[in-house]
C-alpha cells in the first residue's frame, strides 16, 4: 500500500497552483470543474497526486472547510490482502 493522493483545502486555487507548479515545478495533470466553487487542480508530485480543493467547495460544511490537509488517499494492489 502507498499514499496515492494528498488533498489540500486552499483559499485560492490559482495562488496554490502557482506555488506548486510555477515555483516548485510540480506538473499539473488534470482539472475538475466543481460548479460555482471553481475547480480542483491535480498535480503529480513525484508519483503522489496533490489535489488542490477550493475552500468554497465546502462552504456549507463548517467541519470540512478548514484550510490545510483535507484527506489522504491510499492505493493498494490487493485491498483485501493488505494489512
Protein backbone atom coordinates (compact mmCIF):
# COMPACT_ATOMS: atom_id res chain seq x y z
CA UNK A 1 0.00 0.00 0.00
CA UNK A 2 1.16 3.52 -0.71
CA UNK A 3 -0.06 7.09 -0.49
CA UNK A 4 -1.86 7.86 -3.74
CA UNK A 5 -3.24 11.36 -3.16
CA UNK A 6 -2.94 14.21 -0.67
CA UNK A 7 -5.87 16.63 -0.83
CA UNK A 8 -5.36 20.18 0.38
CA UNK A 9 -8.14 22.68 1.01
CA UNK A 10 -6.98 26.15 -0.06
CA UNK A 11 -8.42 29.66 -0.08
CA UNK A 12 -7.12 30.42 -3.57
CA UNK A 13 -6.58 27.53 -6.00
CA UNK A 14 -4.82 29.79 -8.53
CA UNK A 15 -2.28 31.00 -5.96
CA UNK A 16 -1.72 27.45 -4.68
CA UNK A 17 -1.31 26.15 -8.23
CA UNK A 18 1.19 28.93 -8.90
CA UNK A 19 3.22 27.90 -5.86
CA UNK A 20 3.30 24.19 -6.67
CA UNK A 21 3.60 24.47 -10.45
CA UNK A 22 5.45 27.71 -11.22
CA UNK A 23 7.68 27.90 -8.13
CA UNK A 24 8.23 24.23 -7.22
CA UNK A 25 7.91 22.75 -10.72
CA UNK A 26 5.17 20.21 -9.91
CA UNK A 27 3.29 19.15 -13.06
CA UNK A 28 -0.43 19.87 -13.43
CA UNK A 29 -2.10 16.64 -14.62
CA UNK A 30 -5.81 17.50 -14.66
CA UNK A 31 -8.58 19.81 -13.56
CA UNK A 32 -12.07 19.05 -12.29
CA UNK A 33 -14.76 21.74 -12.55
CA UNK A 34 -16.93 21.79 -9.42
CA UNK A 35 -19.63 24.30 -10.32
CA UNK A 36 -19.81 27.65 -8.54
CA UNK A 37 -16.91 26.71 -6.25
CA UNK A 38 -14.46 26.75 -9.17
CA UNK A 39 -12.25 23.76 -9.90
CA UNK A 40 -9.96 21.26 -8.26
CA UNK A 41 -6.44 21.01 -9.66
CA UNK A 42 -4.49 17.75 -9.61
CA UNK A 43 -0.70 17.75 -9.69
CA UNK A 44 1.91 14.98 -9.90
CA UNK A 45 4.34 15.36 -7.02
CA UNK A 46 6.71 12.53 -7.87
CA UNK A 47 4.16 9.73 -8.04
CA UNK A 48 1.87 11.14 -5.36
CA UNK A 49 -1.03 13.30 -6.52
CA UNK A 50 -1.71 16.62 -4.86
CA UNK A 51 -5.33 17.74 -5.12
CA UNK A 52 -5.97 21.43 -4.57
CA UNK A 53 -9.59 21.92 -3.50
CA UNK A 54 -11.13 25.39 -3.17
CA UNK A 55 -12.47 26.09 0.32
CA UNK A 56 -15.68 27.27 -1.35
CA UNK A 57 -16.46 23.64 -2.22
CA UNK A 58 -17.29 23.05 1.45
CA UNK A 59 -18.75 26.45 2.34
CA UNK A 60 -21.86 24.84 3.81
CA UNK A 61 -19.91 22.28 5.88
CA UNK A 62 -18.01 24.10 8.64
CA UNK A 63 -16.28 20.96 9.88
CA UNK A 64 -14.99 20.22 6.37
CA UNK A 65 -14.00 23.75 5.40
CA UNK A 66 -10.83 24.10 7.48
CA UNK A 67 -7.79 25.02 5.40
CA UNK A 68 -4.89 22.61 5.04
CA UNK A 69 -4.83 18.84 4.82
CA UNK A 70 -8.30 17.67 3.85
CA UNK A 71 -7.72 13.95 3.32
CA UNK A 72 -5.23 11.27 2.28
CA UNK A 73 -5.99 8.50 -0.19
CA UNK A 74 -4.13 5.22 -0.31
CA UNK A 75 -3.68 2.76 -3.17
CA UNK A 76 -3.21 -0.97 -2.82
CA UNK A 77 -2.89 -3.69 -5.44
CA UNK A 78 -4.90 -6.06 -3.22
CA UNK A 79 -7.13 -4.25 -0.70
CA UNK A 80 -8.36 -7.41 0.96
CA UNK A 81 -4.86 -8.84 1.23
CA UNK A 82 -3.30 -5.63 2.57
CA UNK A 83 -2.86 -5.45 6.34
